Amino acid sequence: MGIGVFGGSFDPVHMGHLRVAEEVRETFSLESVYFVPARIQPLKHPAKGAGAEDRVRMLKMALRGNSFFRTSTIEIERGGVSYSIDTVRQFCLKFDQVYFLVGVDAFSDIGLWKDFEELFRSTNFIVMVRPGRRFEGPPEALRGQVGRVDDSTWEHASGMKIHFHHMTQLDISSTRIRELTREGRSIKYLVPPPVERYIIARGLYRN
């Protein structure tokens, strides 16, 4: 059994994050999934959102009640720009088998990531694919380094696997939740109830 590492801004965490993590955990028989909120994401323009402390609190509220889910604050504590390779290195020191969860759009740009070659020597990947999204072949940065095992799996030259998981359709995004909150509209059923109450009580995303 391995563990999953699921990074992101989680600003805020929502039901789509939770559902896909649960599907991946079950499909790959993971011992646990660690949600890792980023301090600063290197390839995204910073949105006007919640601070690190609020995002961590919302995550902990959302994950409560699922014994397989964990919150890791290593990127928050490390400070600066949050590079996945630094996080994976730390998890690989603690666990024998690590699966790195990533969306298919981010995976397509993997050649832009810091030390991406080391990532593929260090961890298995689980690439989360939205319904209707086709993925024809490896990104340019991986050409010649991966081979197809079956319809849902590639193998890297290092021996690490790249699994493709087709997600249940849940058309929810943190961006939309922030927009709805700014407009004074309901976010019920998009986020867990404790997260909804926290956002309202703290007045997050109002400006």
C-alpha atoms as a PDB file:
ATOM      1  CA  MET A   1       0.000   0.000   0.000  1.00  0.00           C
ATOM      2  CA  GLY A   2       1.159   3.514  -0.763  1.00  0.00           C
ATOM      3  CA  ILE A   3       0.187   7.030   0.188  1.00  0.00           C
ATOM      4  CA  GLY A   4      -1.118   9.815  -2.023  1.00  0.00           C
ATOM      5  CA  VAL A   5       0.169  13.398  -2.093  1.00  0.00           C
ATOM      6  CA  PHE A   6      -2.431  15.892  -3.313  1.00  0.00           C
ATOM      7  CA  GLY A   7      -1.149  19.460  -3.632  1.00  0.00           C
ATOM      8  CA  GLY A   8      -2.936  22.676  -4.505  1.00  0.00           C
ATOM      9  CA  SER A   9      -3.973  26.057  -3.224  1.00  0.00           C
ATOM     10  CA  PHE A  10      -7.269  24.713  -1.781  1.00  0.00           C
ATOM     11  CA  ASP A  11      -8.657  28.255  -1.765  1.00  0.00           C
ATOM     12  CA  PRO A  12     -11.120  27.016  -0.681  1.00  0.00           C
ATOM     13  CA  VAL A  13     -11.185  23.222  -0.557  1.00  0.00           C
ATOM     14  CA  HIS A  14     -14.422  21.970  -2.128  1.00  0.00           C
ATOM     15  CA  MET A  15     -16.447  18.825  -2.727  1.00  0.00           C
ATOM     16  CA  GLY A  16     -14.692  18.131  -6.031  1.00  0.00           C
ATOM     17  CA  HIS A  17     -11.323  17.903  -4.270  1.00  0.00           C
ATOM     18  CA  LEU A  18     -12.748  15.518  -1.688  1.00  0.00           C
ATOM     19  CA  ARG A  19     -14.559  13.294  -4.170  1.00  0.00           C
ATOM     20  CA  VAL A  20     -11.617  12.797  -6.517  1.00  0.00           C
ATOM     21  CA  ALA A  21      -9.296  12.071  -3.583  1.00  0.00           C
ATOM     22  CA  GLU A  22     -11.737   9.460  -2.305  1.00  0.00           C
ATOM     23  CA  GLU A  23     -12.014   7.844  -5.740  1.00  0.00           C
ATOM     24  CA  VAL A  24      -8.229   7.718  -6.114  1.00  0.00           C
ATOM     25  CA  ARG A  25      -7.742   6.347  -2.602  1.00  0.00           C
ATOM     26  CA  GLU A  26     -10.236   3.573  -3.235  1.00  0.00           C
ATOM     27  CA  THR A  27      -9.087   2.727  -6.777  1.00  0.00           C
ATOM     28  CA  PHE A  28      -5.406   2.486  -5.844  1.00  0.00           C
ATOM     29  CA  SER A  29      -5.921   1.088  -2.318  1.00  0.00           C
ATOM     30  CA  LEU A  30      -3.962   3.939  -0.760  1.00  0.00           C
ATOM     31  CA  GLU A  31      -3.283   3.857   2.936  1.00  0.00           C
ATOM     32  CA  SER A  32      -3.935   7.606   3.139  1.00  0.00           C
ATOM     33  CA  VAL A  33      -4.066  10.786   1.065  1.00  0.00           C
ATOM     34  CA  TYR A  34      -2.169  13.873   2.230  1.00  0.00           C
ATOM     35  CA  PHE A  35      -3.635  17.222   1.177  1.00  0.00           C
ATOM     36  CA  VAL A  36      -0.749  19.689   0.871  1.00  0.00           C
ATOM     37  CA  PRO A  37      -1.754  23.371   0.610  1.00  0.00           C
ATOM     38  CA  ALA A  38       0.837  25.451  -1.213  1.00  0.00           C
ATOM     39  CA  ARG A  39       2.379  28.599   0.189  1.00  0.00           C
ATOM     40  CA  ILE A  40       2.920  30.061  -3.306  1.00  0.00           C
ATOM     41  CA  GLN A  41       2.229  28.100  -6.492  1.00  0.00           C
ATOM     42  CA  PRO A  42       5.010  28.740  -9.027  1.00  0.00           C
ATOM     43  CA  LEU A  43       3.015  28.553 -12.275  1.00  0.00           C
ATOM     44  CA  LYS A  44      -0.174  30.320 -11.223  1.00  0.00           C
ATOM     45  CA  HIS A  45      -0.953  34.012 -10.973  1.00  0.00           C
ATOM     46  CA  PRO A  46      -1.779  34.621  -7.305  1.00  0.00           C
ATOM     47  CA  ALA A  47      -5.513  35.055  -6.744  1.00  0.00           C
ATOM     48  CA  LYS A  48      -6.897  37.392  -4.137  1.00  0.00           C
ATOM     49  CA  GLY A  49      -7.939  34.693  -1.739  1.00  0.00           C
ATOM     50  CA  ALA A  50      -7.567  33.427   1.787  1.00  0.00           C
ATOM     51  CA  GLY A  51      -4.317  33.362   3.714  1.00  0.00           C
ATOM     52  CA  ALA A  52      -2.424  30.185   4.534  1.00  0.00           C
ATOM     53  CA  GLU A  53      -3.842  29.898   8.046  1.00  0.00           C
ATOM     54  CA  ASP A  54      -7.451  30.104   6.845  1.00  0.00           C
ATOM     55  CA  ARG A  55      -6.845  27.603   4.036  1.00  0.00           C
ATOM     56  CA  VAL A  56      -5.302  25.096   6.449  1.00  0.00           C
ATOM     57  CA  ARG A  57      -8.185  25.496   8.889  1.00  0.00           C
ATOM     58  CA  MET A  58     -10.750  24.912   6.149  1.00  0.00           C
ATOM     59  CA  LEU A  59      -8.878  21.811   4.989  1.00  0.00           C
ATOM     60  CA  LYS A  60      -8.819  20.336   8.458  1.00  0.00           C
ATOM     61  CA  MET A  61     -12.549  20.965   8.814  1.00  0.00           C
ATOM     62  CA  ALA A  62     -13.275  19.381   5.437  1.00  0.00           C
ATOM     63  CA  LEU A  63     -11.173  16.269   6.098  1.00  0.00           C
ATOM     64  CA  ARG A  64     -12.540  15.617   9.566  1.00  0.00           C
ATOM     65  CA  GLY A  65     -14.458  12.359   9.624  1.00  0.00           C
ATOM     66  CA  ASN A  66     -12.413  10.642   6.892  1.00  0.00           C
ATOM     67  CA  SER A  67      -9.769   8.546   8.600  1.00  0.00           C
ATOM     68  CA  PHE A  68      -7.842   8.133   5.325  1.00  0.00           C
ATOM     69  CA  PHE A  69      -7.325  11.863   4.739  1.00  0.00           C
ATOM     70  CA  ARG A  70      -4.552  13.975   6.272  1.00  0.00           C
ATOM     71  CA  THR A  71      -3.493  17.621   6.113  1.00  0.00           C
ATOM     72  CA  SER A  72       0.219  18.330   5.634  1.00  0.00           C
ATOM     73  CA  THR A  73       1.528  21.865   6.185  1.00  0.00           C
ATOM     74  CA  ILE A  74       5.073  21.209   4.989  1.00  0.00           C
ATOM     75  CA  GLU A  75       4.824  23.682   2.092  1.00  0.00           C
ATOM     76  CA  ILE A  76       3.355  26.368   4.336  1.00  0.00           C
ATOM     77  CA  GLU A  77       6.086  25.815   6.919  1.00  0.00           C
ATOM     78  CA  ARG A  78       8.841  25.704   4.298  1.00  0.00           C
ATOM     79  CA  GLY A  79       7.861  29.156   3.034  1.00  0.00           C
ATOM     80  CA  GLY A  80       8.639  30.750  -0.299  1.00  0.00           C
ATOM     81  CA  VAL A  81       7.569  29.219  -3.600  1.00  0.00           C
ATOM     82  CA  SER A  82       6.135  25.700  -3.214  1.00  0.00           C
ATOM     83  CA  TYR A  83       7.932  23.332  -5.564  1.00  0.00           C
ATOM     84  CA  SER A  84       6.516  19.807  -5.861  1.00  0.00           C
ATOM     85  CA  ILE A  85       9.952  18.207  -6.037  1.00  0.00           C
ATOM     86  CA  ASP A  86      10.833  19.533  -2.575  1.00  0.00           C
ATOM     87  CA  THR A  87       7.597  18.106  -1.172  1.00  0.00           C
ATOM     88  CA  VAL A  88       8.013  14.730  -2.861  1.00  0.00           C
ATOM     89  CA  ARG A  89      11.563  14.439  -1.533  1.00  0.00           C
ATOM     90  CA  GLN A  90      10.279  14.870   2.013  1.00  0.00           C
ATOM     91  CA  PHE A  91       7.482  12.339   1.606  1.00  0.00           C
ATOM     92  CA  CYS A  92       9.845   9.798   0.019  1.00  0.00           C
ATOM     93  CA  LEU A  93      12.034   9.969   3.116  1.00  0.00           C
ATOM     94  CA  LYS A  94       9.072   8.822   5.222  1.00  0.00           C
ATOM     95  CA  PHE A  95       7.198   6.424   2.927  1.00  0.00           C
ATOM     96  CA  ASP A  96       8.303   3.600   0.636  1.00  0.00           C
ATOM     97  CA  GLN A  97       5.651   4.097  -2.030  1.00  0.00           C
ATOM     98  CA  VAL A  98       4.378   7.567  -2.924  1.00  0.00           C
ATOM     99  CA  TYR A  99       1.722   8.470  -5.493  1.00  0.00           C
ATOM    100  CA  PHE A 100       1.623  12.080  -6.651  1.00  0.00           C
ATOM    101  CA  LEU A 101      -1.852  13.300  -7.631  1.00  0.00           C
ATOM    102  CA  VAL A 102      -2.000  15.909 -10.390  1.00  0.00           C
ATOM    103  CA  GLY A 103      -4.618  17.253 -12.787  1.00  0.00           C
ATOM    104  CA  VAL A 104      -4.216  16.470 -16.471  1.00  0.00           C
ATOM    105  CA  ASP A 105      -3.764  20.135 -17.448  1.00  0.00           C
ATOM    106  CA  ALA A 106      -0.894  20.583 -15.006  1.00  0.00           C
ATOM    107  CA  PHE A 107       0.592  17.271 -16.166  1.00  0.00           C
ATOM    108  CA  SER A 108       0.573  18.540 -19.755  1.00  0.00           C
ATOM    109  CA  ASP A 109       2.897  21.361 -18.641  1.00  0.00           C
ATOM    110  CA  ILE A 110       5.173  19.106 -16.587  1.00  0.00           C
ATOM    111  CA  GLY A 111       8.245  20.209 -18.558  1.00  0.00           C
ATOM    112  CA  LEU A 112       7.944  23.641 -16.921  1.00  0.00           C
ATOM    113  CA  TRP A 113       8.206  22.217 -13.411  1.00  0.00           C
ATOM    114  CA  LYS A 114      11.353  22.489 -11.335  1.00  0.00           C
ATOM    115  CA  ASP A 115      13.466  19.295 -11.537  1.00  0.00           C
ATOM    116  CA  PHE A 116      10.605  17.406 -13.184  1.00  0.00           C
ATOM    117  CA  GLU A 117      12.992  14.646 -14.299  1.00  0.00           C
ATOM    118  CA  GLU A 118      13.681  13.797 -10.653  1.00  0.00           C
ATOM    119  CA  LEU A 119       9.949  13.672  -9.939  1.00  0.00           C
ATOM    120  CA  PHE A 120       9.546  10.780 -12.365  1.00  0.00           C
ATOM    121  CA  ARG A 121      12.429   8.908 -10.751  1.00  0.00           C
ATOM    122  CA  SER A 122      10.996   9.433  -7.272  1.00  0.00           C
ATOM    123  CA  THR A 123       7.231   8.922  -7.347  1.00  0.00           C
ATOM    124  CA  ASN A 124       4.392   7.272  -9.173  1.00  0.00           C
ATOM    125  CA  PHE A 125       1.886   9.662 -10.757  1.00  0.00           C
ATOM    126  CA  ILE A 126      -1.892   9.558 -10.700  1.00  0.00           C
ATOM    127  CA  VAL A 127      -3.139  11.940 -13.373  1.00  0.00           C
ATOM    128  CA  MET A 128      -6.732  13.032 -12.766  1.00  0.00           C
ATOM    129  CA  VAL A 129      -8.633  13.376 -16.047  1.00  0.00           C
ATOM    130  CA  ARG A 130     -11.952  15.203 -16.393  1.00  0.00           C
ATOM    131  CA  PRO A 131     -14.803  13.411 -18.218  1.00  0.00           C
ATOM    132  CA  GLY A 132     -14.639  14.017 -21.965  1.00  0.00           C
ATOM    133  CA  ARG A 133     -10.963  15.028 -21.831  1.00  0.00           C
ATOM    134  CA  ARG A 134      -8.751  12.975 -24.144  1.00  0.00           C
ATOM    135  CA  PHE A 135      -5.046  12.597 -23.585  1.00  0.00           C
ATOM    136  CA  GLU A 136      -3.399  11.438 -26.776  1.00  0.00           C
ATOM    137  CA  GLY A 137       0.243  11.079 -25.812  1.00  0.00           C
ATOM    138  CA  PRO A 138       3.012  12.124 -23.455  1.00  0.00           C
ATOM    139  CA  PRO A 139       4.011  15.760 -23.044  1.00  0.00           C
ATOM    140  CA  GLU A 140       6.968  16.814 -25.171  1.00  0.00           C
ATOM    141  CA  ALA A 141       9.271  16.747 -22.133  1.00  0.00           C
ATOM    142  CA  LEU A 142       8.576  13.016 -21.661  1.00  0.00           C
ATOM    143  CA  ARG A 143       8.873  11.845 -25.256  1.00  0.00           C
ATOM    144  CA  GLY A 144      11.064   8.776 -25.430  1.00  0.00           C
ATOM    145  CA  GLN A 145      10.991   8.314 -21.655  1.00  0.00           C
ATOM    146  CA  VAL A 146       7.608   6.638 -21.237  1.00  0.00           C
ATOM    147  CA  GLY A 147       5.927   3.597 -22.716  1.00  0.00           C
ATOM    148  CA  ARG A 148       2.291   2.543 -22.687  1.00  0.00           C
ATOM    149  CA  VAL A 149       1.440  -0.381 -20.409  1.00  0.00           C
ATOM    150  CA  ASP A 150      -2.307  -0.377 -21.061  1.00  0.00           C
ATOM    151  CA  ASP A 151      -5.126   2.086 -21.752  1.00  0.00           C
ATOM    152  CA  SER A 152      -4.762   3.767 -18.368  1.00  0.00           C
ATOM    153  CA  THR A 153      -1.095   3.312 -17.474  1.00  0.00           C
ATOM    154  CA  TRP A 154       2.305   4.385 -18.737  1.00  0.00           C
ATOM    155  CA  GLU A 155       5.690   3.369 -17.373  1.00  0.00           C
ATOM    156  CA  HIS A 156       8.578   5.804 -17.080  1.00  0.00           C
ATOM    157  CA  ALA A 157      12.133   4.719 -17.896  1.00  0.00           C
ATOM    158  CA  SER A 158      12.801   4.795 -14.146  1.00  0.00           C
ATOM    159  CA  GLY A 159      10.191   2.071 -13.610  1.00  0.00           C
ATOM    160  CA  MET A 160       7.732   4.440 -11.948  1.00  0.00           C
ATOM    161  CA  LYS A 161       4.152   4.256 -13.171  1.00  0.00           C
ATOM    162  CA  ILE A 162       1.908   7.022 -14.501  1.00  0.00           C
ATOM    163  CA  HIS A 163      -1.737   6.116 -13.944  1.00  0.00           C
ATOM    164  CA  PHE A 164      -4.652   7.967 -15.543  1.00  0.00           C
ATOM    165  CA  HIS A 165      -7.822   8.179 -13.458  1.00  0.00           C
ATOM    166  CA  HIS A 166     -11.008   9.425 -15.107  1.00  0.00           C
ATOM    167  CA  MET A 167     -12.869  11.437 -12.502  1.00  0.00           C
ATOM    168  CA  THR A 168     -16.566  11.645 -11.764  1.00  0.00           C
ATOM    169  CA  GLN A 169     -17.959  14.854 -13.272  1.00  0.00           C
ATOM    170  CA  LEU A 170     -18.257  17.517 -10.569  1.00  0.00           C
ATOM    171  CA  ASP A 171     -18.143  20.931 -12.198  1.00  0.00           C
ATOM    172  CA  ILE A 172     -16.881  22.808  -9.155  1.00  0.00           C
ATOM    173  CA  SER A 173     -13.932  25.167  -8.927  1.00  0.00           C
ATOM    174  CA  SER A 174     -12.418  27.270  -6.177  1.00  0.00           C
ATOM    175  CA  THR A 175     -12.483  30.241  -8.560  1.00  0.00           C
ATOM    176  CA  ARG A 176     -16.261  29.942  -8.989  1.00  0.00           C
ATOM    177  CA  ILE A 177     -16.782  29.587  -5.248  1.00  0.00           C
ATOM    178  CA  ARG A 178     -14.831  32.794  -4.646  1.00  0.00           C
ATOM    179  CA  GLU A 179     -16.882  34.565  -7.320  1.00  0.00           C
ATOM    180  CA  LEU A 180     -20.192  33.420  -5.816  1.00  0.00           C
ATOM    181  CA  THR A 181     -19.105  34.541  -2.368  1.00  0.00           C
ATOM    182  CA  ARG A 182     -18.102  37.978  -3.681  1.00  0.00           C
ATOM    183  CA  GLU A 183     -21.530  38.267  -5.284  1.00  0.00           C
ATOM    184  CA  GLY A 184     -23.259  37.329  -2.037  1.00  0.00           C
ATOM    185  CA  ARG A 185     -24.661  34.121  -3.519  1.00  0.00           C
ATOM    186  CA  SER A 186     -24.944  30.673  -1.957  1.00  0.00           C
ATOM    187  CA  ILE A 187     -22.077  28.188  -1.964  1.00  0.00           C
ATOM    188  CA  LYS A 188     -24.110  25.498  -0.219  1.00  0.00           C
ATOM    189  CA  TYR A 189     -23.379  21.969  -1.492  1.00  0.00           C
ATOM    190  CA  LEU A 190     -20.199  23.164  -3.215  1.00  0.00           C
ATOM    191  CA  VAL A 191     -18.129  23.031  -0.026  1.00  0.00           C
ATOM    192  CA  PRO A 192     -18.573  20.990   3.156  1.00  0.00           C
ATOM    193  CA  PRO A 193     -20.954  22.676   5.643  1.00  0.00           C
ATOM    194  CA  PRO A 194     -18.210  23.554   8.198  1.00  0.00           C
ATOM    195  CA  VAL A 195     -16.213  25.247   5.411  1.00  0.00           C
ATOM    196  CA  GLU A 196     -19.271  27.190   4.270  1.00  0.00           C
ATOM    197  CA  ARG A 197     -19.885  28.403   7.838  1.00  0.00           C
ATOM    198  CA  TYR A 198     -16.223  29.341   8.257  1.00  0.00           C
ATOM    199  CA  ILE A 199     -16.151  31.360   5.031  1.00  0.00           C
ATOM    200  CA  ILE A 200     -19.271  33.272   6.073  1.00  0.00           C
ATOM    201  CA  ALA A 201     -18.094  33.846   9.651  1.00  0.00           C
ATOM    202  CA  ARG A 202     -14.672  35.069   8.537  1.00  0.00           C
ATOM    203  CA  GLY A 203     -16.005  37.133   5.651  1.00  0.00           C
ATOM    204  CA  LEU A 204     -13.581  35.446   3.254  1.00  0.00           C
ATOM    205  CA  TYR A 205     -13.576  36.253  -0.473  1.00  0.00           C
ATOM    206  CA  ARG A 206     -15.871  39.258  -0.028  1.00  0.00           C
ATOM    207  CA  ASN A 207     -13.454  41.719  -1.637  1.00  0.00           C
END
